[in-house]
């Protein structure tokens, strides 16, 4: 059975957040290139969730492999 976007969105991916010259930079460690940057702290989680959804949608469309967090078995 093919894994859906909802499956991947439910996984506990690692979000790394670091300050960046008055802004905030976030990335999902398991998804190469899945990053975002915002000016306000309260924008960071919605922004990285949007980035994750877009990253996953594009990967699924192209049939690219999608890494899962360590310890997740599907």
PDB file of N, CA and C in Angstrom:
ATOM      1  N   UNK A   1       0.832  -1.181   0.000  1.00  0.00           N
ATOM      2  CA  UNK A   1       0.000   0.000   0.000  1.00  0.00           C
ATOM      3  C   UNK A   1       0.880   1.248   0.000  1.00  0.00           C
ATOM      4  N   UNK A   2       0.580   2.180  -0.868  1.00  0.00           N
ATOM      5  CA  UNK A   2       1.370   3.406  -0.974  1.00  0.00           C
ATOM      6  C   UNK A   2       1.147   4.299   0.245  1.00  0.00           C
ATOM      7  N   UNK A   3       2.205   4.914   0.678  1.00  0.00           N
ATOM      8  CA  UNK A   3       2.120   5.830   1.816  1.00  0.00           C
ATOM      9  C   UNK A   3       1.636   7.192   1.311  1.00  0.00           C
ATOM     10  N   UNK A   4       0.746   7.815   2.068  1.00  0.00           N
ATOM     11  CA  UNK A   4       0.133   9.077   1.663  1.00  0.00           C
ATOM     12  C   UNK A   4       0.806  10.262   2.350  1.00  0.00           C
ATOM     13  N   UNK A   5       0.441  11.441   1.893  1.00  0.00           N
ATOM     14  CA  UNK A   5       0.966  12.649   2.538  1.00  0.00           C
ATOM     15  C   UNK A   5       0.550  12.699   4.000  1.00  0.00           C
ATOM     16  N   UNK A   6      -0.673  12.256   4.297  1.00  0.00           N
ATOM     17  CA  UNK A   6      -1.120  12.259   5.699  1.00  0.00           C
ATOM     18  C   UNK A   6      -0.257  11.341   6.559  1.00  0.00           C
ATOM     19  N   UNK A   7       0.168  10.214   5.993  1.00  0.00           N
ATOM     20  CA  UNK A   7       1.063   9.319   6.723  1.00  0.00           C
ATOM     21  C   UNK A   7       2.352  10.056   7.086  1.00  0.00           C
ATOM     22  N   UNK A   8       2.988  10.673   6.076  1.00  0.00           N
ATOM     23  CA  UNK A   8       4.253  11.356   6.325  1.00  0.00           C
ATOM     24  C   UNK A   8       4.090  12.552   7.260  1.00  0.00           C
ATOM     25  N   UNK A   9       2.984  13.282   7.135  1.00  0.00           N
ATOM     26  CA  UNK A   9       2.754  14.437   8.008  1.00  0.00           C
ATOM     27  C   UNK A   9       2.580  14.015   9.467  1.00  0.00           C
ATOM     28  N   UNK A  10       2.168  12.781   9.687  1.00  0.00           N
ATOM     29  CA  UNK A  10       1.951  12.306  11.057  1.00  0.00           C
ATOM     30  C   UNK A  10       3.238  11.839  11.739  1.00  0.00           C
ATOM     31  N   UNK A  11       4.319  11.724  10.995  1.00  0.00           N
ATOM     32  CA  UNK A  11       5.564  11.204  11.560  1.00  0.00           C
ATOM     33  C   UNK A  11       6.280  12.256  12.406  1.00  0.00           C
ATOM     34  N   UNK A  12       7.012  11.809  13.424  1.00  0.00           N
ATOM     35  CA  UNK A  12       7.710  12.742  14.326  1.00  0.00           C
ATOM     36  C   UNK A  12       9.076  13.175  13.782  1.00  0.00           C
ATOM     37  N   UNK A  13       9.064  13.975  12.729  1.00  0.00           N
ATOM     38  CA  UNK A  13      10.311  14.482  12.169  1.00  0.00           C
ATOM     39  C   UNK A  13      10.993  15.433  13.155  1.00  0.00           C
ATOM     40  N   UNK A  14      12.314  15.520  13.065  1.00  0.00           N
ATOM     41  CA  UNK A  14      13.111  16.369  13.935  1.00  0.00           C
ATOM     42  C   UNK A  14      13.181  17.777  13.360  1.00  0.00           C
ATOM     43  N   UNK A  15      12.680  18.744  14.127  1.00  0.00           N
ATOM     44  CA  UNK A  15      12.742  20.146  13.716  1.00  0.00           C
ATOM     45  C   UNK A  15      13.876  20.804  14.484  1.00  0.00           C
ATOM     46  N   UNK A  16      14.796  21.392  13.748  1.00  0.00           N
ATOM     47  CA  UNK A  16      15.914  22.109  14.353  1.00  0.00           C
ATOM     48  C   UNK A  16      15.690  23.602  14.114  1.00  0.00           C
ATOM     49  N   UNK A  17      15.710  24.398  15.184  1.00  0.00           N
ATOM     50  CA  UNK A  17      15.486  25.838  15.093  1.00  0.00           C
ATOM     51  C   UNK A  17      16.698  26.555  15.662  1.00  0.00           C
ATOM     52  N   UNK A  18      17.217  27.535  14.910  1.00  0.00           N
ATOM     53  CA  UNK A  18      18.355  28.314  15.384  1.00  0.00           C
ATOM     54  C   UNK A  18      18.124  29.799  15.090  1.00  0.00           C
ATOM     55  N   UNK A  19      18.587  30.675  16.005  1.00  0.00           N
ATOM     56  CA  UNK A  19      18.497  32.102  15.725  1.00  0.00           C
ATOM     57  C   UNK A  19      19.443  32.463  14.583  1.00  0.00           C
ATOM     58  N   UNK A  20      19.042  33.448  13.769  1.00  0.00           N
ATOM     59  CA  UNK A  20      19.845  33.830  12.609  1.00  0.00           C
ATOM     60  C   UNK A  20      19.754  35.337  12.392  1.00  0.00           C
ATOM     61  N   UNK A  21      20.629  36.078  13.053  1.00  0.00           N
ATOM     62  CA  UNK A  21      20.730  37.531  12.903  1.00  0.00           C
ATOM     63  C   UNK A  21      19.369  38.236  13.012  1.00  0.00           C
ATOM     64  N   UNK A  22      18.696  38.042  14.131  1.00  0.00           N
ATOM     65  CA  UNK A  22      17.413  38.686  14.369  1.00  0.00           C
ATOM     66  C   UNK A  22      16.220  37.946  13.798  1.00  0.00           C
ATOM     67  N   UNK A  23      16.454  36.841  13.151  1.00  0.00           N
ATOM     68  CA  UNK A  23      15.379  36.024  12.590  1.00  0.00           C
ATOM     69  C   UNK A  23      15.534  34.612  13.160  1.00  0.00           C
ATOM     70  N   UNK A  24      14.687  33.701  12.689  1.00  0.00           N
ATOM     71  CA  UNK A  24      14.748  32.310  13.108  1.00  0.00           C
ATOM     72  C   UNK A  24      14.814  31.423  11.875  1.00  0.00           C
ATOM     73  N   UNK A  25      15.726  30.467  11.889  1.00  0.00           N
ATOM     74  CA  UNK A  25      15.905  29.510  10.809  1.00  0.00           C
ATOM     75  C   UNK A  25      15.482  28.144  11.323  1.00  0.00           C
ATOM     76  N   UNK A  26      14.688  27.435  10.526  1.00  0.00           N
ATOM     77  CA  UNK A  26      14.268  26.087  10.922  1.00  0.00           C
ATOM     78  C   UNK A  26      14.476  25.123   9.769  1.00  0.00           C
ATOM     79  N   UNK A  27      14.782  23.892  10.132  1.00  0.00           N
ATOM     80  CA  UNK A  27      14.914  22.836   9.134  1.00  0.00           C
ATOM     81  C   UNK A  27      14.409  21.525   9.717  1.00  0.00           C
ATOM     82  N   UNK A  28      13.979  20.654   8.830  1.00  0.00           N
ATOM     83  CA  UNK A  28      13.636  19.298   9.234  1.00  0.00           C
ATOM     84  C   UNK A  28      14.833  18.442   8.858  1.00  0.00           C
ATOM     85  N   UNK A  29      15.485  17.913   9.867  1.00  0.00           N
ATOM     86  CA  UNK A  29      16.777  17.248   9.666  1.00  0.00           C
ATOM     87  C   UNK A  29      16.710  16.065   8.712  1.00  0.00           C
ATOM     88  N   UNK A  30      15.618  15.303   8.740  1.00  0.00           N
ATOM     89  CA  UNK A  30      15.535  14.104   7.906  1.00  0.00           C
ATOM     90  C   UNK A  30      15.182  14.408   6.447  1.00  0.00           C
ATOM     91  N   UNK A  31      14.718  15.631   6.159  1.00  0.00           N
ATOM     92  CA  UNK A  31      14.281  15.987   4.803  1.00  0.00           C
ATOM     93  C   UNK A  31      15.236  17.024   4.219  1.00  0.00           C
ATOM     94  N   UNK A  32      16.215  16.593   3.442  1.00  0.00           N
ATOM     95  CA  UNK A  32      17.235  17.510   2.916  1.00  0.00           C
ATOM     96  C   UNK A  32      16.621  18.679   2.145  1.00  0.00           C
ATOM     97  N   UNK A  33      17.010  19.887   2.544  1.00  0.00           N
ATOM     98  CA  UNK A  33      16.530  21.081   1.856  1.00  0.00           C
ATOM     99  C   UNK A  33      15.195  21.594   2.357  1.00  0.00           C
ATOM    100  N   UNK A  34      14.603  20.942   3.341  1.00  0.00           N
ATOM    101  CA  UNK A  34      13.323  21.389   3.901  1.00  0.00           C
ATOM    102  C   UNK A  34      13.632  22.414   4.991  1.00  0.00           C
ATOM    103  N   UNK A  35      13.606  23.683   4.599  1.00  0.00           N
ATOM    104  CA  UNK A  35      13.996  24.767   5.504  1.00  0.00           C
ATOM    105  C   UNK A  35      13.044  25.949   5.363  1.00  0.00           C
ATOM    106  N   UNK A  36      13.100  26.824   6.344  1.00  0.00           N
ATOM    107  CA  UNK A  36      12.368  28.086   6.283  1.00  0.00           C
ATOM    108  C   UNK A  36      13.039  29.073   7.223  1.00  0.00           C
ATOM    109  N   UNK A  37      12.737  30.358   7.030  1.00  0.00           N
ATOM    110  CA  UNK A  37      13.257  31.401   7.905  1.00  0.00           C
ATOM    111  C   UNK A  37      12.164  32.437   8.098  1.00  0.00           C
ATOM    112  N   UNK A  38      11.986  32.876   9.339  1.00  0.00           N
ATOM    113  CA  UNK A  38      10.971  33.876   9.669  1.00  0.00           C
ATOM    114  C   UNK A  38      11.563  34.923  10.595  1.00  0.00           C
ATOM    115  N   UNK A  39      10.863  36.041  10.711  1.00  0.00           N
ATOM    116  CA  UNK A  39      11.321  37.122  11.591  1.00  0.00           C
ATOM    117  C   UNK A  39      10.811  36.994  13.022  1.00  0.00           C
ATOM    118  N   UNK A  40       9.653  36.389  13.200  1.00  0.00           N
ATOM    119  CA  UNK A  40       9.040  36.300  14.523  1.00  0.00           C
ATOM    120  C   UNK A  40       8.964  34.857  14.997  1.00  0.00           C
ATOM    121  N   UNK A  41       9.251  34.641  16.291  1.00  0.00           N
ATOM    122  CA  UNK A  41       9.250  33.307  16.872  1.00  0.00           C
ATOM    123  C   UNK A  41       7.923  32.591  16.660  1.00  0.00           C
ATOM    124  N   UNK A  42       6.800  33.294  16.840  1.00  0.00           N
ATOM    125  CA  UNK A  42       5.503  32.628  16.748  1.00  0.00           C
ATOM    126  C   UNK A  42       5.135  32.211  15.321  1.00  0.00           C
ATOM    127  N   UNK A  43       5.931  32.597  14.344  1.00  0.00           N
ATOM    128  CA  UNK A  43       5.704  32.190  12.955  1.00  0.00           C
ATOM    129  C   UNK A  43       6.455  30.913  12.572  1.00  0.00           C
ATOM    130  N   UNK A  44       7.381  30.479  13.417  1.00  0.00           N
ATOM    131  CA  UNK A  44       8.305  29.429  13.002  1.00  0.00           C
ATOM    132  C   UNK A  44       7.633  28.067  12.817  1.00  0.00           C
ATOM    133  N   UNK A  45       6.791  27.639  13.745  1.00  0.00           N
ATOM    134  CA  UNK A  45       6.183  26.314  13.599  1.00  0.00           C
ATOM    135  C   UNK A  45       5.209  26.238  12.420  1.00  0.00           C
ATOM    136  N   UNK A  46       4.309  27.224  12.235  1.00  0.00           N
ATOM    137  CA  UNK A  46       3.468  27.164  11.029  1.00  0.00           C
ATOM    138  C   UNK A  46       4.292  27.192   9.738  1.00  0.00           C
ATOM    139  N   UNK A  47       5.378  27.956   9.733  1.00  0.00           N
ATOM    140  CA  UNK A  47       6.207  28.062   8.529  1.00  0.00           C
ATOM    141  C   UNK A  47       6.910  26.743   8.208  1.00  0.00           C
ATOM    142  N   UNK A  48       7.455  26.066   9.223  1.00  0.00           N
ATOM    143  CA  UNK A  48       8.157  24.811   8.943  1.00  0.00           C
ATOM    144  C   UNK A  48       7.156  23.707   8.599  1.00  0.00           C
ATOM    145  N   UNK A  49       5.951  23.757   9.156  1.00  0.00           N
ATOM    146  CA  UNK A  49       4.926  22.783   8.774  1.00  0.00           C
ATOM    147  C   UNK A  49       4.512  22.980   7.308  1.00  0.00           C
ATOM    148  N   UNK A  50       4.402  24.238   6.870  1.00  0.00           N
ATOM    149  CA  UNK A  50       4.110  24.516   5.456  1.00  0.00           C
ATOM    150  C   UNK A  50       5.228  24.008   4.560  1.00  0.00           C
ATOM    151  N   UNK A  51       6.481  24.266   4.982  1.00  0.00           N
ATOM    152  CA  UNK A  51       7.632  23.811   4.199  1.00  0.00           C
ATOM    153  C   UNK A  51       7.654  22.289   4.111  1.00  0.00           C
ATOM    154  N   UNK A  52       7.333  21.623   5.224  1.00  0.00           N
ATOM    155  CA  UNK A  52       7.320  20.158   5.243  1.00  0.00           C
ATOM    156  C   UNK A  52       6.254  19.622   4.285  1.00  0.00           C
ATOM    157  N   UNK A  53       5.051  20.198   4.337  1.00  0.00           N
ATOM    158  CA  UNK A  53       3.974  19.754   3.449  1.00  0.00           C
ATOM    159  C   UNK A  53       4.383  19.914   1.981  1.00  0.00           C
ATOM    160  N   UNK A  54       4.941  21.066   1.636  1.00  0.00           N
ATOM    161  CA  UNK A  54       5.367  21.297   0.244  1.00  0.00           C
ATOM    162  C   UNK A  54       6.470  20.333  -0.165  1.00  0.00           C
ATOM    163  N   UNK A  55       7.438  20.120   0.704  1.00  0.00           N
ATOM    164  CA  UNK A  55       8.541  19.196   0.415  1.00  0.00           C
ATOM    165  C   UNK A  55       7.988  17.807   0.144  1.00  0.00           C
ATOM    166  N   UNK A  56       7.069  17.354   1.005  1.00  0.00           N
ATOM    167  CA  UNK A  56       6.489  16.020   0.854  1.00  0.00           C
ATOM    168  C   UNK A  56       5.636  15.913  -0.410  1.00  0.00           C
ATOM    169  N   UNK A  57       4.833  16.944  -0.701  1.00  0.00           N
ATOM    170  CA  UNK A  57       3.989  16.928  -1.903  1.00  0.00           C
ATOM    171  C   UNK A  57       4.836  16.789  -3.165  1.00  0.00           C
ATOM    172  N   UNK A  58       5.902  17.567  -3.254  1.00  0.00           N
ATOM    173  CA  UNK A  58       6.772  17.526  -4.434  1.00  0.00           C
ATOM    174  C   UNK A  58       7.450  16.162  -4.534  1.00  0.00           C
ATOM    175  N   UNK A  59       7.930  15.647  -3.422  1.00  0.00           N
ATOM    176  CA  UNK A  59       8.591  14.338  -3.439  1.00  0.00           C
ATOM    177  C   UNK A  59       7.634  13.233  -3.868  1.00  0.00           C
ATOM    178  N   UNK A  60       6.416  13.267  -3.366  1.00  0.00           N
ATOM    179  CA  UNK A  60       5.425  12.261  -3.753  1.00  0.00           C
ATOM    180  C   UNK A  60       5.070  12.377  -5.238  1.00  0.00           C
ATOM    181  N   UNK A  61       4.903  13.605  -5.736  1.00  0.00           N
ATOM    182  CA  UNK A  61       4.600  13.825  -7.157  1.00  0.00           C
ATOM    183  C   UNK A  61       5.688  13.265  -8.062  1.00  0.00           C
ATOM    184  N   UNK A  62       6.933  13.450  -7.653  1.00  0.00           N
ATOM    185  CA  UNK A  62       8.077  13.026  -8.472  1.00  0.00           C
ATOM    186  C   UNK A  62       8.484  11.582  -8.222  1.00  0.00           C
ATOM    187  N   UNK A  63       7.882  10.956  -7.221  1.00  0.00           N
ATOM    188  CA  UNK A  63       8.252   9.587  -6.895  1.00  0.00           C
ATOM    189  C   UNK A  63       9.606   9.479  -6.213  1.00  0.00           C
ATOM    190  N   UNK A  64      10.056  10.584  -5.607  1.00  0.00           N
ATOM    191  CA  UNK A  64      11.343  10.591  -4.913  1.00  0.00           C
ATOM    192  C   UNK A  64      11.225   9.848  -3.581  1.00  0.00           C
ATOM    193  N   UNK A  65      12.329   9.242  -3.140  1.00  0.00           N
ATOM    194  CA  UNK A  65      12.300   8.584  -1.825  1.00  0.00           C
ATOM    195  C   UNK A  65      12.111   9.611  -0.725  1.00  0.00           C
ATOM    196  N   UNK A  66      11.356   9.253   0.300  1.00  0.00           N
ATOM    197  CA  UNK A  66      11.100  10.144   1.431  1.00  0.00           C
ATOM    198  C   UNK A  66      11.643   9.467   2.685  1.00  0.00           C
ATOM    199  N   UNK A  67      12.667  10.076   3.282  1.00  0.00           N
ATOM    200  CA  UNK A  67      13.211   9.511   4.510  1.00  0.00           C
ATOM    201  C   UNK A  67      12.191   9.597   5.643  1.00  0.00           C
ATOM    202  N   UNK A  68      12.223   8.616   6.529  1.00  0.00           N
ATOM    203  CA  UNK A  68      11.383   8.633   7.704  1.00  0.00           C
ATOM    204  C   UNK A  68      12.284   8.828   8.925  1.00  0.00           C
ATOM    205  N   UNK A  69      11.712   9.373   9.994  1.00  0.00           N
ATOM    206  CA  UNK A  69      12.513   9.536  11.206  1.00  0.00           C
ATOM    207  C   UNK A  69      13.063   8.193  11.687  1.00  0.00           C
ATOM    208  N   UNK A  70      14.204   8.211  12.322  1.00  0.00           N
ATOM    209  CA  UNK A  70      14.808   7.001  12.867  1.00  0.00           C
ATOM    210  C   UNK A  70      13.850   6.377  13.875  1.00  0.00           C
ATOM    211  N   UNK A  71      13.696   5.084  13.777  1.00  0.00           N
ATOM    212  CA  UNK A  71      12.843   4.367  14.718  1.00  0.00           C
ATOM    213  C   UNK A  71      11.413   4.195  14.246  1.00  0.00           C
ATOM    214  N   UNK A  72      11.046   4.831  13.129  1.00  0.00           N
ATOM    215  CA  UNK A  72       9.687   4.679  12.608  1.00  0.00           C
ATOM    216  C   UNK A  72       9.687   3.517  11.621  1.00  0.00           C
ATOM    217  N   UNK A  73       8.750   2.634  11.805  1.00  0.00           N
ATOM    218  CA  UNK A  73       8.622   1.502  10.880  1.00  0.00           C
ATOM    219  C   UNK A  73       7.278   1.595  10.205  1.00  0.00           C
ATOM    220  N   UNK A  74       7.298   1.543   8.896  1.00  0.00           N
ATOM    221  CA  UNK A  74       6.028   1.630   8.181  1.00  0.00           C
ATOM    222  C   UNK A  74       5.991   0.624   7.162  1.00  0.00           C
TER     223      UNK A  74
END
